[in-house]
N, C-alpha and C. Protein backbone atom coordinates (compact mmCIF):
# COMPACT_ATOMS: atom_id res chain seq x y z
N MET A 1 17.85 -5.74 -25.70
CA MET A 1 16.57 -6.42 -25.78
C MET A 1 16.54 -7.50 -24.71
N ALA A 2 15.39 -7.66 -24.06
CA ALA A 2 15.23 -8.65 -23.00
C ALA A 2 15.19 -10.05 -23.60
N ARG A 3 15.78 -10.97 -22.85
CA ARG A 3 15.81 -12.36 -23.28
C ARG A 3 14.47 -12.99 -22.96
N LYS A 4 13.92 -13.73 -23.89
CA LYS A 4 12.67 -14.43 -23.66
C LYS A 4 12.97 -15.73 -22.93
N ARG A 5 12.37 -15.90 -21.74
CA ARG A 5 12.60 -17.09 -20.94
C ARG A 5 11.48 -18.08 -21.19
N THR A 6 11.84 -19.28 -21.55
CA THR A 6 10.85 -20.31 -21.78
C THR A 6 11.23 -21.58 -21.02
N ILE A 7 10.27 -22.42 -20.79
CA ILE A 7 10.52 -23.71 -20.16
C ILE A 7 10.73 -24.71 -21.29
N PRO A 8 11.90 -25.35 -21.34
CA PRO A 8 12.14 -26.31 -22.42
C PRO A 8 11.21 -27.51 -22.32
N LYS A 9 10.56 -27.83 -23.42
CA LYS A 9 9.66 -28.98 -23.44
C LYS A 9 10.43 -30.29 -23.46
N GLU A 10 11.67 -30.25 -23.89
CA GLU A 10 12.53 -31.42 -23.88
C GLU A 10 13.86 -31.02 -23.25
N PRO A 11 13.94 -31.00 -21.90
CA PRO A 11 15.17 -30.56 -21.25
C PRO A 11 16.31 -31.55 -21.50
N GLU A 12 17.48 -31.01 -21.68
CA GLU A 12 18.66 -31.83 -21.92
C GLU A 12 19.66 -31.60 -20.80
N GLY A 13 19.93 -32.64 -20.02
CA GLY A 13 20.95 -32.55 -19.00
C GLY A 13 20.52 -31.89 -17.70
N HIS A 14 19.26 -31.57 -17.56
CA HIS A 14 18.77 -30.98 -16.31
C HIS A 14 17.29 -31.33 -16.14
N LYS A 15 16.74 -31.01 -14.98
CA LYS A 15 15.33 -31.23 -14.72
C LYS A 15 14.61 -29.89 -14.67
N ASN A 16 13.35 -29.91 -15.07
CA ASN A 16 12.47 -28.77 -14.88
C ASN A 16 11.75 -28.98 -13.55
N TYR A 17 11.59 -27.92 -12.79
CA TYR A 17 10.86 -27.97 -11.53
C TYR A 17 9.64 -27.07 -11.66
N PHE A 18 8.47 -27.61 -11.30
CA PHE A 18 7.22 -26.87 -11.44
C PHE A 18 6.52 -26.75 -10.09
N VAL A 19 5.96 -25.60 -9.82
CA VAL A 19 5.05 -25.42 -8.69
C VAL A 19 3.67 -25.28 -9.33
N VAL A 20 2.81 -26.25 -9.05
CA VAL A 20 1.53 -26.33 -9.73
C VAL A 20 0.42 -25.83 -8.81
N ASP A 21 -0.36 -24.92 -9.32
CA ASP A 21 -1.49 -24.36 -8.59
C ASP A 21 -2.71 -25.28 -8.75
N ALA A 22 -3.68 -25.11 -7.90
CA ALA A 22 -4.87 -25.96 -7.91
C ALA A 22 -5.63 -25.90 -9.23
N ASN A 23 -5.64 -24.74 -9.89
CA ASN A 23 -6.41 -24.65 -11.14
C ASN A 23 -5.88 -25.60 -12.20
N VAL A 24 -4.58 -25.84 -12.23
CA VAL A 24 -4.02 -26.79 -13.20
C VAL A 24 -4.48 -28.20 -12.86
N LEU A 25 -4.47 -28.55 -11.58
CA LEU A 25 -4.93 -29.87 -11.16
C LEU A 25 -6.41 -30.08 -11.47
N VAL A 26 -7.20 -29.05 -11.26
CA VAL A 26 -8.64 -29.17 -11.52
C VAL A 26 -8.88 -29.38 -13.01
N TYR A 27 -8.23 -28.59 -13.85
CA TYR A 27 -8.42 -28.76 -15.29
C TYR A 27 -7.93 -30.12 -15.76
N ALA A 28 -6.83 -30.61 -15.20
CA ALA A 28 -6.33 -31.93 -15.56
C ALA A 28 -7.33 -33.01 -15.15
N ALA A 29 -7.92 -32.88 -13.96
CA ALA A 29 -8.91 -33.85 -13.50
C ALA A 29 -10.16 -33.82 -14.37
N ILE A 30 -10.57 -32.63 -14.78
CA ILE A 30 -11.74 -32.52 -15.66
C ILE A 30 -11.46 -33.23 -16.98
N ALA A 31 -10.29 -33.03 -17.53
CA ALA A 31 -9.95 -33.66 -18.81
C ALA A 31 -9.88 -35.17 -18.68
N ASP A 32 -9.34 -35.68 -17.57
CA ASP A 32 -9.25 -37.12 -17.37
C ASP A 32 -10.62 -37.77 -17.21
N ARG A 33 -11.54 -37.07 -16.57
CA ARG A 33 -12.86 -37.64 -16.32
C ARG A 33 -13.80 -37.48 -17.51
N ASN A 34 -13.53 -36.50 -18.36
CA ASN A 34 -14.40 -36.25 -19.50
C ASN A 34 -13.89 -37.05 -20.69
N LYS A 35 -14.47 -38.21 -20.93
CA LYS A 35 -13.99 -39.12 -21.98
C LYS A 35 -14.19 -38.54 -23.38
N SER A 36 -15.16 -37.67 -23.57
CA SER A 36 -15.42 -37.13 -24.91
C SER A 36 -14.35 -36.13 -25.34
N GLY A 37 -13.59 -35.58 -24.38
CA GLY A 37 -12.57 -34.60 -24.70
C GLY A 37 -13.10 -33.19 -24.83
N ALA A 38 -14.43 -33.04 -24.71
CA ALA A 38 -15.03 -31.71 -24.82
C ALA A 38 -14.87 -30.95 -23.51
N ILE A 39 -14.58 -29.67 -23.63
CA ILE A 39 -14.47 -28.81 -22.46
C ILE A 39 -15.57 -27.77 -22.57
N SER A 40 -16.41 -27.71 -21.56
CA SER A 40 -17.52 -26.76 -21.61
C SER A 40 -17.61 -25.98 -20.31
N PHE A 41 -17.56 -24.66 -20.42
CA PHE A 41 -17.72 -23.79 -19.27
C PHE A 41 -18.88 -22.83 -19.52
N LEU A 42 -19.94 -23.37 -20.08
CA LEU A 42 -21.18 -22.62 -20.33
C LEU A 42 -20.93 -21.33 -21.12
N GLY A 43 -20.13 -21.45 -22.17
CA GLY A 43 -19.93 -20.33 -23.07
C GLY A 43 -18.87 -19.34 -22.66
N ASP A 44 -18.17 -19.57 -21.57
CA ASP A 44 -17.12 -18.66 -21.13
C ASP A 44 -15.85 -18.96 -21.93
N VAL A 45 -15.63 -18.20 -22.99
CA VAL A 45 -14.53 -18.45 -23.92
C VAL A 45 -13.17 -18.33 -23.24
N LYS A 46 -13.00 -17.34 -22.38
CA LYS A 46 -11.72 -17.17 -21.69
C LYS A 46 -11.41 -18.36 -20.80
N GLU A 47 -12.42 -18.86 -20.10
CA GLU A 47 -12.22 -20.01 -19.21
C GLU A 47 -11.90 -21.27 -20.01
N GLU A 48 -12.57 -21.46 -21.14
CA GLU A 48 -12.28 -22.62 -21.99
C GLU A 48 -10.86 -22.56 -22.54
N ASP A 49 -10.43 -21.38 -22.95
CA ASP A 49 -9.06 -21.21 -23.46
C ASP A 49 -8.04 -21.49 -22.36
N ARG A 50 -8.30 -20.99 -21.17
CA ARG A 50 -7.41 -21.22 -20.02
C ARG A 50 -7.33 -22.73 -19.71
N ALA A 51 -8.47 -23.41 -19.77
CA ALA A 51 -8.50 -24.85 -19.50
C ALA A 51 -7.69 -25.61 -20.54
N ARG A 52 -7.85 -25.27 -21.81
CA ARG A 52 -7.09 -25.95 -22.87
C ARG A 52 -5.58 -25.76 -22.70
N ARG A 53 -5.17 -24.55 -22.34
CA ARG A 53 -3.73 -24.30 -22.14
C ARG A 53 -3.21 -25.08 -20.95
N CYS A 54 -3.96 -25.11 -19.84
CA CYS A 54 -3.53 -25.88 -18.66
C CYS A 54 -3.43 -27.37 -18.99
N ILE A 55 -4.41 -27.89 -19.70
CA ILE A 55 -4.39 -29.31 -20.06
C ILE A 55 -3.20 -29.60 -20.96
N GLY A 56 -2.92 -28.72 -21.90
CA GLY A 56 -1.76 -28.91 -22.80
C GLY A 56 -0.45 -28.93 -22.03
N TRP A 57 -0.30 -27.97 -21.11
CA TRP A 57 0.93 -27.94 -20.31
C TRP A 57 1.02 -29.15 -19.41
N TRP A 58 -0.10 -29.58 -18.84
CA TRP A 58 -0.07 -30.74 -17.95
C TRP A 58 0.38 -31.99 -18.69
N LYS A 59 -0.04 -32.14 -19.95
CA LYS A 59 0.41 -33.29 -20.76
C LYS A 59 1.93 -33.26 -20.94
N ILE A 60 2.47 -32.07 -21.20
CA ILE A 60 3.92 -31.93 -21.37
C ILE A 60 4.64 -32.25 -20.06
N ILE A 61 4.12 -31.73 -18.96
CA ILE A 61 4.73 -31.98 -17.65
C ILE A 61 4.69 -33.47 -17.32
N LYS A 62 3.57 -34.13 -17.58
CA LYS A 62 3.47 -35.57 -17.30
C LYS A 62 4.49 -36.37 -18.11
N GLN A 63 4.71 -35.98 -19.35
CA GLN A 63 5.73 -36.66 -20.17
C GLN A 63 7.12 -36.48 -19.58
N GLN A 64 7.41 -35.26 -19.12
CA GLN A 64 8.72 -34.99 -18.52
C GLN A 64 8.89 -35.79 -17.23
N ILE A 65 7.84 -35.91 -16.44
CA ILE A 65 7.91 -36.71 -15.21
C ILE A 65 8.18 -38.17 -15.56
N LYS A 66 7.49 -38.66 -16.55
CA LYS A 66 7.64 -40.06 -16.98
C LYS A 66 9.08 -40.37 -17.38
N HIS A 67 9.76 -39.40 -17.98
CA HIS A 67 11.14 -39.59 -18.44
C HIS A 67 12.16 -39.13 -17.41
N GLY A 68 11.71 -38.76 -16.21
CA GLY A 68 12.62 -38.32 -15.16
C GLY A 68 13.23 -36.96 -15.42
N GLU A 69 12.55 -36.13 -16.21
CA GLU A 69 13.07 -34.80 -16.57
C GLU A 69 12.40 -33.67 -15.80
N ALA A 70 11.47 -34.01 -14.91
CA ALA A 70 10.74 -32.96 -14.19
C ALA A 70 10.35 -33.43 -12.80
N ARG A 71 10.13 -32.46 -11.96
CA ARG A 71 9.61 -32.70 -10.62
C ARG A 71 8.54 -31.63 -10.37
N VAL A 72 7.42 -32.05 -9.78
CA VAL A 72 6.29 -31.16 -9.56
C VAL A 72 6.05 -31.01 -8.07
N TYR A 73 5.88 -29.77 -7.64
CA TYR A 73 5.54 -29.47 -6.25
C TYR A 73 4.15 -28.85 -6.22
N VAL A 74 3.33 -29.33 -5.29
CA VAL A 74 1.99 -28.79 -5.12
C VAL A 74 1.87 -28.32 -3.67
N PRO A 75 1.75 -27.01 -3.45
CA PRO A 75 1.62 -26.51 -2.08
C PRO A 75 0.38 -27.10 -1.40
N ASP A 76 0.46 -27.30 -0.09
CA ASP A 76 -0.65 -27.88 0.67
C ASP A 76 -1.94 -27.08 0.52
N VAL A 77 -1.84 -25.77 0.43
CA VAL A 77 -3.02 -24.94 0.27
C VAL A 77 -3.74 -25.30 -1.03
N CYS A 78 -2.98 -25.52 -2.07
CA CYS A 78 -3.58 -25.87 -3.37
C CYS A 78 -4.25 -27.23 -3.31
N ILE A 79 -3.67 -28.18 -2.59
CA ILE A 79 -4.28 -29.50 -2.49
C ILE A 79 -5.66 -29.37 -1.84
N ALA A 80 -5.78 -28.58 -0.80
CA ALA A 80 -7.08 -28.38 -0.16
C ALA A 80 -8.09 -27.78 -1.12
N GLU A 81 -7.66 -26.83 -1.95
CA GLU A 81 -8.56 -26.22 -2.93
C GLU A 81 -9.02 -27.24 -3.95
N ALA A 82 -8.11 -28.09 -4.41
CA ALA A 82 -8.43 -29.04 -5.47
C ALA A 82 -9.43 -30.09 -5.03
N PHE A 83 -9.43 -30.46 -3.75
CA PHE A 83 -10.30 -31.52 -3.29
C PHE A 83 -11.63 -31.02 -2.73
N LYS A 84 -11.90 -29.72 -2.84
CA LYS A 84 -13.18 -29.20 -2.35
C LYS A 84 -14.30 -29.64 -3.27
């Protein structure tokens, strides 16, 4: 049986390294700017679900960064996409 690989939410003795795509940054920015906490993509259920998952993961990643347990890399191409 194949081993299920997961990213530990609380790494012990090592760091997690993430390569973050622009869509994660965009969803994180939307959540930070939207004070009500509501996510609306005009009824697109799949997009709303994707946004909630990205925001959830970003919160976990930010906590790991705060505790020195993670490092995040954002490719230059993604930065250009995020700031359009």
